[in-house]
PDB file of N, CA and C in Angstrom:
ATOM      1  N   MET A   1     158.076  -0.588 233.505  1.00  0.00           N
ATOM      2  CA  MET A   1     158.983  -1.008 232.372  1.00  0.00           C
ATOM      3  C   MET A   1     159.170  -2.547 232.617  1.00  0.00           C
ATOM      4  N   ARG A   2     159.410  -2.931 233.918  1.00  0.00           N
ATOM      5  CA  ARG A   2     159.575  -4.390 234.137  1.00  0.00           C
ATOM      6  C   ARG A   2     158.481  -5.212 233.728  1.00  0.00           C
ATOM      7  N   ILE A   3     157.234  -4.686 233.913  1.00  0.00           N
ATOM      8  CA  ILE A   3     156.020  -5.566 233.668  1.00  0.00           C
ATOM      9  C   ILE A   3     155.899  -5.613 232.206  1.00  0.00           C
ATOM     10  N   MET A   4     156.300  -4.607 231.434  1.00  0.00           N
ATOM     11  CA  MET A   4     156.101  -4.606 229.939  1.00  0.00           C
ATOM     12  C   MET A   4     157.152  -5.539 229.357  1.00  0.00           C
ATOM     13  N   LEU A   5     158.307  -5.618 229.972  1.00  0.00           N
ATOM     14  CA  LEU A   5     159.333  -6.588 229.438  1.00  0.00           C
ATOM     15  C   LEU A   5     158.779  -7.977 229.861  1.00  0.00           C
ATOM     16  N   GLN A   6     158.329  -8.190 230.954  1.00  0.00           N
ATOM     17  CA  GLN A   6     157.876  -9.579 231.403  1.00  0.00           C
ATOM     18  C   GLN A   6     156.720 -10.014 230.456  1.00  0.00           C
ATOM     19  N   SER A   7     155.745  -9.129 230.158  1.00  0.00           N
ATOM     20  CA  SER A   7     154.767  -9.471 229.353  1.00  0.00           C
ATOM     21  C   SER A   7     155.135  -9.822 227.959  1.00  0.00           C
ATOM     22  N   LEU A   8     156.224  -9.112 227.325  1.00  0.00           N
ATOM     23  CA  LEU A   8     156.674  -9.366 225.956  1.00  0.00           C
ATOM     24  C   LEU A   8     157.367 -10.735 226.106  1.00  0.00           C
ATOM     25  N   VAL A   9     158.156 -11.047 227.068  1.00  0.00           N
ATOM     26  CA  VAL A   9     158.716 -12.324 227.096  1.00  0.00           C
ATOM     27  C   VAL A   9     157.754 -13.433 227.218  1.00  0.00           C
ATOM     28  N   GLY A  10     156.767 -13.217 228.032  1.00  0.00           N
ATOM     29  CA  GLY A  10     155.626 -14.175 228.084  1.00  0.00           C
ATOM     30  C   GLY A  10     154.850 -14.464 226.678  1.00  0.00           C
ATOM     31  N   SER A  11     154.757 -13.327 225.977  1.00  0.00           N
ATOM     32  CA  SER A  11     154.115 -13.488 224.632  1.00  0.00           C
ATOM     33  C   SER A  11     155.084 -14.306 223.766  1.00  0.00           C
ATOM     34  N   ILE A  12     156.323 -13.944 223.802  1.00  0.00           N
ATOM     35  CA  ILE A  12     157.241 -14.732 223.007  1.00  0.00           C
ATOM     36  C   ILE A  12     157.336 -16.304 223.254  1.00  0.00           C
ATOM     37  N   VAL A  13     157.252 -16.606 224.536  1.00  0.00           N
ATOM     38  CA  VAL A  13     157.337 -17.910 224.975  1.00  0.00           C
ATOM     39  C   VAL A  13     156.054 -18.653 224.589  1.00  0.00           C
ATOM     40  N   ILE A  14     154.876 -18.094 224.712  1.00  0.00           N
ATOM     41  CA  ILE A  14     153.586 -18.591 224.374  1.00  0.00           C
ATOM     42  C   ILE A  14     153.617 -18.903 222.838  1.00  0.00           C
ATOM     43  N   HIS A  15     154.059 -17.903 222.056  1.00  0.00           N
ATOM     44  CA  HIS A  15     154.012 -18.159 220.665  1.00  0.00           C
ATOM     45  C   HIS A  15     154.958 -19.175 220.115  1.00  0.00           C
ATOM     46  N   ILE A  16     156.103 -19.253 220.772  1.00  0.00           N
ATOM     47  CA  ILE A  16     157.135 -20.408 220.470  1.00  0.00           C
ATOM     48  C   ILE A  16     156.647 -21.739 220.931  1.00  0.00           C
ATOM     49  N   VAL A  17     155.972 -21.841 221.966  1.00  0.00           N
ATOM     50  CA  VAL A  17     155.348 -23.151 222.396  1.00  0.00           C
ATOM     51  C   VAL A  17     154.294 -23.542 221.396  1.00  0.00           C
ATOM     52  N   PHE A  18     153.378 -22.480 221.040  1.00  0.00           N
ATOM     53  CA  PHE A  18     152.343 -22.778 220.111  1.00  0.00           C
ATOM     54  C   PHE A  18     152.894 -23.388 218.797  1.00  0.00           C
ATOM     55  N   PHE A  19     153.945 -22.700 218.194  1.00  0.00           N
ATOM     56  CA  PHE A  19     154.504 -22.982 216.824  1.00  0.00           C
ATOM     57  C   PHE A  19     155.174 -24.370 216.926  1.00  0.00           C
ATOM     58  N   ILE A  20     155.998 -24.564 218.034  1.00  0.00           N
ATOM     59  CA  ILE A  20     156.646 -25.863 218.167  1.00  0.00           C
ATOM     60  C   ILE A  20     155.552 -26.971 218.421  1.00  0.00           C
ATOM     61  N   THR A  21     154.475 -26.681 219.136  1.00  0.00           N
ATOM     62  CA  THR A  21     153.506 -27.780 219.463  1.00  0.00           C
ATOM     63  C   THR A  21     152.702 -28.112 217.997  1.00  0.00           C
ATOM     64  N   THR A  22     152.457 -27.069 217.297  1.00  0.00           N
ATOM     65  CA  THR A  22     151.713 -27.268 216.032  1.00  0.00           C
ATOM     66  C   THR A  22     152.640 -28.097 214.968  1.00  0.00           C
ATOM     67  N   ILE A  23     153.938 -27.758 214.901  1.00  0.00           N
ATOM     68  CA  ILE A  23     154.805 -28.510 214.105  1.00  0.00           C
ATOM     69  C   ILE A  23     154.941 -29.858 214.541  1.00  0.00           C
ATOM     70  N   GLY A  24     155.115 -30.093 215.863  1.00  0.00           N
ATOM     71  CA  GLY A  24     155.307 -31.419 216.396  1.00  0.00           C
ATOM     72  C   GLY A  24     154.154 -32.322 216.244  1.00  0.00           C
ATOM     73  N   ILE A  25     152.968 -31.838 216.422  1.00  0.00           N
ATOM     74  CA  ILE A  25     151.604 -32.665 216.115  1.00  0.00           C
ATOM     75  C   ILE A  25     151.653 -32.977 214.618  1.00  0.00           C
ATOM     76  N   GLY A  26     151.848 -32.025 213.713  1.00  0.00           N
ATOM     77  CA  GLY A  26     151.850 -32.322 212.292  1.00  0.00           C
ATOM     78  C   GLY A  26     152.936 -33.448 211.907  1.00  0.00           C
ATOM     79  N   PHE A  27     154.179 -33.249 212.578  1.00  0.00           N
ATOM     80  CA  PHE A  27     155.143 -34.231 212.268  1.00  0.00           C
ATOM     81  C   PHE A  27     154.795 -35.548 212.834  1.00  0.00           C
ATOM     82  N   LEU A  28     154.328 -35.688 213.963  1.00  0.00           N
ATOM     83  CA  LEU A  28     153.876 -36.984 214.513  1.00  0.00           C
ATOM     84  C   LEU A  28     152.724 -37.670 213.827  1.00  0.00           C
ATOM     85  N   LYS A  29     151.703 -36.845 213.358  1.00  0.00           N
ATOM     86  CA  LYS A  29     150.709 -37.341 212.458  1.00  0.00           C
ATOM     87  C   LYS A  29     151.113 -37.866 211.145  1.00  0.00           C
ATOM     88  N   THR A  30     152.151 -37.139 210.551  1.00  0.00           N
ATOM     89  CA  THR A  30     152.756 -37.693 209.273  1.00  0.00           C
ATOM     90  C   THR A  30     153.458 -38.903 209.496  1.00  0.00           C
ATOM     91  N   LYS A  31     154.405 -39.029 210.591  1.00  0.00           N
ATOM     92  CA  LYS A  31     155.057 -40.228 210.768  1.00  0.00           C
ATOM     93  C   LYS A  31     154.123 -41.470 211.042  1.00  0.00           C
ATOM     94  N   ALA A  32     153.016 -41.247 211.774  1.00  0.00           N
ATOM     95  CA  ALA A  32     152.137 -42.369 212.161  1.00  0.00           C
ATOM     96  C   ALA A  32     151.023 -42.666 211.074  1.00  0.00           C
ATOM     97  N   TYR A  33     151.029 -41.940 209.938  1.00  0.00           N
ATOM     98  CA  TYR A  33     149.993 -42.129 208.983  1.00  0.00           C
ATOM     99  C   TYR A  33     150.234 -43.496 208.210  1.00  0.00           C
ATOM    100  N   GLU A  34     149.300 -44.395 208.082  1.00  0.00           N
ATOM    101  CA  GLU A  34     149.344 -45.456 207.329  1.00  0.00           C
ATOM    102  C   GLU A  34     148.185 -45.568 206.388  1.00  0.00           C
ATOM    103  N   PRO A  35     148.301 -45.419 205.183  1.00  0.00           N
ATOM    104  CA  PRO A  35     147.210 -45.414 204.303  1.00  0.00           C
ATOM    105  C   PRO A  35     146.513 -46.883 204.070  1.00  0.00           C
ATOM    106  N   GLU A  36     145.145 -46.892 203.896  1.00  0.00           N
ATOM    107  CA  GLU A  36     144.496 -48.148 203.803  1.00  0.00           C
ATOM    108  C   GLU A  36     144.380 -48.400 202.344  1.00  0.00           C
ATOM    109  N   ILE A  37     145.341 -49.114 201.700  1.00  0.00           N
ATOM    110  CA  ILE A  37     145.494 -49.362 200.301  1.00  0.00           C
ATOM    111  C   ILE A  37     144.292 -50.368 199.930  1.00  0.00           C
ATOM    112  N   LEU A  38     144.144 -51.405 200.643  1.00  0.00           N
ATOM    113  CA  LEU A  38     143.233 -52.441 200.173  1.00  0.00           C
ATOM    114  C   LEU A  38     141.894 -51.901 200.214  1.00  0.00           C
ATOM    115  N   GLY A  39     141.465 -51.001 201.134  1.00  0.00           N
ATOM    116  CA  GLY A  39     140.088 -50.633 201.219  1.00  0.00           C
ATOM    117  C   GLY A  39     139.735 -49.502 200.185  1.00  0.00           C
ATOM    118  N   ASP A  40     140.813 -48.885 199.555  1.00  0.00           N
ATOM    119  CA  ASP A  40     140.554 -47.785 198.553  1.00  0.00           C
ATOM    120  C   ASP A  40     140.709 -48.312 197.167  1.00  0.00           C
ATOM    121  N   VAL A  41     140.850 -49.604 196.808  1.00  0.00           N
ATOM    122  CA  VAL A  41     141.237 -50.137 195.588  1.00  0.00           C
ATOM    123  C   VAL A  41     139.938 -49.985 194.697  1.00  0.00           C
ATOM    124  N   ASP A  42     138.684 -50.236 195.360  1.00  0.00           N
ATOM    125  CA  ASP A  42     137.424 -50.207 194.641  1.00  0.00           C
ATOM    126  C   ASP A  42     136.941 -48.820 194.252  1.00  0.00           C
ATOM    127  N   ASP A  43     137.368 -47.802 195.120  1.00  0.00           N
ATOM    128  CA  ASP A  43     137.017 -46.533 194.762  1.00  0.00           C
ATOM    129  C   ASP A  43     138.153 -45.659 194.183  1.00  0.00           C
ATOM    130  N   VAL A  44     138.235 -45.722 192.880  1.00  0.00           N
ATOM    131  CA  VAL A  44     139.298 -45.068 192.112  1.00  0.00           C
ATOM    132  C   VAL A  44     138.657 -43.566 191.692  1.00  0.00           C
ATOM    133  N   THR A  45     139.459 -42.620 192.076  1.00  0.00           N
ATOM    134  CA  THR A  45     139.165 -41.231 191.608  1.00  0.00           C
ATOM    135  C   THR A  45     140.434 -40.543 190.952  1.00  0.00           C
ATOM    136  N   LEU A  46     140.054 -39.647 190.095  1.00  0.00           N
ATOM    137  CA  LEU A  46     141.277 -38.947 189.633  1.00  0.00           C
ATOM    138  C   LEU A  46     141.753 -37.746 190.520  1.00  0.00           C
ATOM    139  N   LEU A  47     143.028 -37.621 190.690  1.00  0.00           N
ATOM    140  CA  LEU A  47     143.589 -36.660 191.642  1.00  0.00           C
ATOM    141  C   LEU A  47     143.999 -35.411 190.721  1.00  0.00           C
ATOM    142  N   GLU A  48     144.067 -34.220 191.384  1.00  0.00           N
ATOM    143  CA  GLU A  48     144.469 -33.072 190.759  1.00  0.00           C
ATOM    144  C   GLU A  48     146.034 -33.098 190.746  1.00  0.00           C
ATOM    145  N   ASN A  49     146.547 -32.209 189.881  1.00  0.00           N
ATOM    146  CA  ASN A  49     147.973 -32.145 189.568  1.00  0.00           C
ATOM    147  C   ASN A  49     148.724 -31.299 190.708  1.00  0.00           C
ATOM    148  N   GLU A  50     147.921 -30.349 191.266  1.00  0.00           N
ATOM    149  CA  GLU A  50     148.545 -29.511 192.193  1.00  0.00           C
ATOM    150  C   GLU A  50     147.925 -29.598 193.626  1.00  0.00           C
ATOM    151  N   VAL A  51     148.849 -29.400 194.700  1.00  0.00           N
ATOM    152  CA  VAL A  51     148.372 -29.581 195.871  1.00  0.00           C
ATOM    153  C   VAL A  51     148.815 -28.428 196.790  1.00  0.00           C
ATOM    154  N   ALA A  52     147.878 -27.706 197.478  1.00  0.00           N
ATOM    155  CA  ALA A  52     148.313 -26.539 198.415  1.00  0.00           C
ATOM    156  C   ALA A  52     148.382 -27.024 199.723  1.00  0.00           C
ATOM    157  N   PHE A  53     149.433 -26.615 200.381  1.00  0.00           N
ATOM    158  CA  PHE A  53     149.630 -26.895 201.907  1.00  0.00           C
ATOM    159  C   PHE A  53     149.545 -25.616 202.627  1.00  0.00           C
ATOM    160  N   GLY A  54     148.652 -25.682 203.674  1.00  0.00           N
ATOM    161  CA  GLY A  54     148.499 -24.554 204.618  1.00  0.00           C
ATOM    162  C   GLY A  54     147.624 -23.419 204.074  1.00  0.00           C
ATOM    163  N   VAL A  55     147.648 -22.358 204.695  1.00  0.00           N
ATOM    164  CA  VAL A  55     146.908 -21.126 204.144  1.00  0.00           C
ATOM    165  C   VAL A  55     147.780 -19.900 204.266  1.00  0.00           C
ATOM    166  N   ALA A  56     147.331 -18.951 203.485  1.00  0.00           N
ATOM    167  CA  ALA A  56     148.036 -17.729 203.410  1.00  0.00           C
ATOM    168  C   ALA A  56     147.572 -16.899 204.644  1.00  0.00           C
ATOM    169  N   VAL A  57     148.488 -16.513 205.517  1.00  0.00           N
ATOM    170  CA  VAL A  57     148.316 -15.714 206.700  1.00  0.00           C
ATOM    171  C   VAL A  57     148.990 -14.383 206.658  1.00  0.00           C
ATOM    172  N   SER A  58     148.237 -13.243 206.822  1.00  0.00           N
ATOM    173  CA  SER A  58     148.949 -11.992 206.870  1.00  0.00           C
ATOM    174  C   SER A  58     149.852 -11.797 208.057  1.00  0.00           C
ATOM    175  N   PRO A  59     151.024 -11.185 207.702  1.00  0.00           N
ATOM    176  CA  PRO A  59     151.889 -10.978 208.879  1.00  0.00           C
ATOM    177  C   PRO A  59     151.253  -9.996 209.862  1.00  0.00           C
ATOM    178  N   VAL A  60     150.224  -9.245 209.487  1.00  0.00           N
ATOM    179  CA  VAL A  60     149.613  -8.352 210.507  1.00  0.00           C
ATOM    180  C   VAL A  60     148.916  -9.136 211.504  1.00  0.00           C
ATOM    181  N   SER A  61     148.436 -10.237 211.154  1.00  0.00           N
ATOM    182  CA  SER A  61     147.648 -11.155 212.237  1.00  0.00           C
ATOM    183  C   SER A  61     148.659 -11.559 213.169  1.00  0.00           C
ATOM    184  N   TYR A  62     149.902 -11.961 212.816  1.00  0.00           N
ATOM    185  CA  TYR A  62     150.974 -12.337 213.789  1.00  0.00           C
ATOM    186  C   TYR A  62     151.199 -11.166 214.752  1.00  0.00           C
ATOM    187  N   ILE A  63     151.319 -10.016 214.206  1.00  0.00           N
ATOM    188  CA  ILE A  63     151.622  -8.822 215.061  1.00  0.00           C
ATOM    189  C   ILE A  63     150.520  -8.528 216.023  1.00  0.00           C
ATOM    190  N   VAL A  64     149.282  -8.685 215.611  1.00  0.00           N
ATOM    191  CA  VAL A  64     148.073  -8.396 216.418  1.00  0.00           C
ATOM    192  C   VAL A  64     148.113  -9.512 217.430  1.00  0.00           C
ATOM    193  N   SER A  65     148.337 -10.724 217.104  1.00  0.00           N
ATOM    194  CA  SER A  65     148.352 -11.811 218.036  1.00  0.00           C
ATOM    195  C   SER A  65     149.421 -11.625 219.168  1.00  0.00           C
ATOM    196  N   PHE A  66     150.642 -11.166 218.717  1.00  0.00           N
ATOM    197  CA  PHE A  66     151.745 -10.951 219.631  1.00  0.00           C
ATOM    198  C   PHE A  66     151.346  -9.960 220.639  1.00  0.00           C
ATOM    199  N   VAL A  67     150.903  -8.737 220.061  1.00  0.00           N
ATOM    200  CA  VAL A  67     150.479  -7.676 221.049  1.00  0.00           C
ATOM    201  C   VAL A  67     149.492  -7.947 221.866  1.00  0.00           C
ATOM    202  N   GLY A  68     148.389  -8.763 221.415  1.00  0.00           N
ATOM    203  CA  GLY A  68     147.209  -9.073 222.234  1.00  0.00           C
ATOM    204  C   GLY A  68     147.665 -10.050 223.383  1.00  0.00           C
ATOM    205  N   ILE A  69     148.570 -11.000 223.189  1.00  0.00           N
ATOM    206  CA  ILE A  69     148.937 -11.884 224.127  1.00  0.00           C
ATOM    207  C   ILE A  69     149.769 -11.124 225.114  1.00  0.00           C
ATOM    208  N   ALA A  70     150.569 -10.205 224.655  1.00  0.00           N
ATOM    209  CA  ALA A  70     151.452  -9.482 225.562  1.00  0.00           C
ATOM    210  C   ALA A  70     150.607  -8.564 226.525  1.00  0.00           C
ATOM    211  N   LEU A  71     149.478  -8.023 225.912  1.00  0.00           N
ATOM    212  CA  LEU A  71     148.524  -7.338 226.758  1.00  0.00           C
ATOM    213  C   LEU A  71     147.922  -8.205 227.781  1.00  0.00           C
ATOM    214  N   ILE A  72     147.617  -9.356 227.458  1.00  0.00           N
ATOM    215  CA  ILE A  72     146.889 -10.313 228.380  1.00  0.00           C
ATOM    216  C   ILE A  72     147.848 -10.696 229.523  1.00  0.00           C
ATOM    217  N   CYS A  73     149.184 -10.912 229.084  1.00  0.00           N
ATOM    218  CA  CYS A  73     150.147 -11.219 230.023  1.00  0.00           C
ATOM    219  C   CYS A  73     150.432 -10.087 230.976  1.00  0.00           C
ATOM    220  N   GLY A  74     150.442  -8.886 230.428  1.00  0.00           N
ATOM    221  CA  GLY A  74     150.571  -7.767 231.431  1.00  0.00           C
ATOM    222  C   GLY A  74     149.556  -7.647 232.320  1.00  0.00           C
ATOM    223  N   MET A  75     148.307  -7.809 232.001  1.00  0.00           N
ATOM    224  CA  MET A  75     147.164  -7.773 232.921  1.00  0.00           C
ATOM    225  C   MET A  75     147.214  -8.864 233.879  1.00  0.00           C
ATOM    226  N   LEU A  76     147.559  -9.940 233.566  1.00  0.00           N
ATOM    227  CA  LEU A  76     147.777 -11.098 234.495  1.00  0.00           C
ATOM    228  C   LEU A  76     148.837 -10.880 235.517  1.00  0.00           C
ATOM    229  N   ILE A  77     149.999 -10.254 235.064  1.00  0.00           N
ATOM    230  CA  ILE A  77     151.128  -9.971 235.944  1.00  0.00           C
ATOM    231  C   ILE A  77     150.661  -8.819 236.831  1.00  0.00           C
ATOM    232  N   LEU A  78     149.933  -7.811 236.334  1.00  0.00           N
ATOM    233  CA  LEU A  78     149.557  -6.704 237.222  1.00  0.00           C
ATOM    234  C   LEU A  78     148.498  -7.256 238.350  1.00  0.00           C
ATOM    235  N   GLY A  79     147.617  -7.991 237.875  1.00  0.00           N
ATOM    236  CA  GLY A  79     146.601  -8.651 238.806  1.00  0.00           C
ATOM    237  C   GLY A  79     147.261  -9.523 239.922  1.00  0.00           C
ATOM    238  N   TYR A  80     148.313 -10.260 239.394  1.00  0.00           N
ATOM    239  CA  TYR A  80     149.024 -11.075 240.439  1.00  0.00           C
ATOM    240  C   TYR A  80     149.769 -10.205 241.351  1.00  0.00           C
ATOM    241  N   GLU A  81     150.348  -9.229 241.001  1.00  0.00           N
ATOM    242  CA  GLU A  81     151.175  -8.238 241.910  1.00  0.00           C
ATOM    243  C   GLU A  81     150.158  -7.644 242.892  1.00  0.00           C
ATOM    244  N   LYS A  82     149.025  -7.226 242.351  1.00  0.00           N
ATOM    245  CA  LYS A  82     148.067  -6.564 243.299  1.00  0.00           C
ATOM    246  C   LYS A  82     147.562  -7.537 244.285  1.00  0.00           C
ATOM    247  N   TYR A  83     147.136  -8.804 243.897  1.00  0.00           N
ATOM    248  CA  TYR A  83     146.820  -9.750 244.766  1.00  0.00           C
ATOM    249  C   TYR A  83     147.747 -10.131 245.797  1.00  0.00           C
ATOM    250  N   LYS A  84     149.045 -10.261 245.249  1.00  0.00           N
ATOM    251  CA  LYS A  84     150.166 -10.622 246.224  1.00  0.00           C
ATOM    252  C   LYS A  84     150.374  -9.393 247.279  1.00  0.00           C
ATOM    253  N   GLY A  85     150.189  -7.992 246.804  1.00  0.00           N
ATOM    254  CA  GLY A  85     150.391  -6.988 247.608  1.00  0.00           C
ATOM    255  C   GLY A  85     149.265  -6.941 248.716  1.00  0.00           C
ATOM    256  N   LEU A  86     148.021  -7.270 248.326  1.00  0.00           N
ATOM    257  CA  LEU A  86     146.848  -7.313 249.334  1.00  0.00           C
ATOM    258  C   LEU A  86     147.021  -8.538 250.351  1.00  0.00           C
ATOM    259  N   LYS A  87     147.569  -9.506 249.885  1.00  0.00           N
ATOM    260  CA  LYS A  87     147.801 -10.689 250.710  1.00  0.00           C
ATOM    261  C   LYS A  87     148.742 -10.560 251.867  1.00  0.00           C
ATOM    262  N   GLU A  88     149.811  -9.712 251.461  1.00  0.00           N
ATOM    263  CA  GLU A  88     150.859  -9.370 252.416  1.00  0.00           C
ATOM    264  C   GLU A  88     150.364  -8.431 253.480  1.00  0.00           C
ATOM    265  N   ARG A  89     149.375  -7.675 253.281  1.00  0.00           N
ATOM    266  CA  ARG A  89     148.830  -6.747 254.314  1.00  0.00           C
ATOM    267  C   ARG A  89     148.418  -7.378 255.564  1.00  0.00           C
TER     268      ARG A  89
END
């Protein structure tokens, strides 16, 4: 039961780090963006009226990702404990 709890916590931490990193990189790219206005004056094109941001992702994919990462964390923890047990002998 302890390994399952550790693997779930590991999966939560990995997902939080992933989302914070993704949002942070997007924020930094947005803050650092400087358009080249003078270079684009000659190439005038019409823009669309609507803009879509991001993609639609099914909530099921997040659940599958969470469970998959938890399984990988659990296998790593089990492997580490077995390795540590063999090393102590």
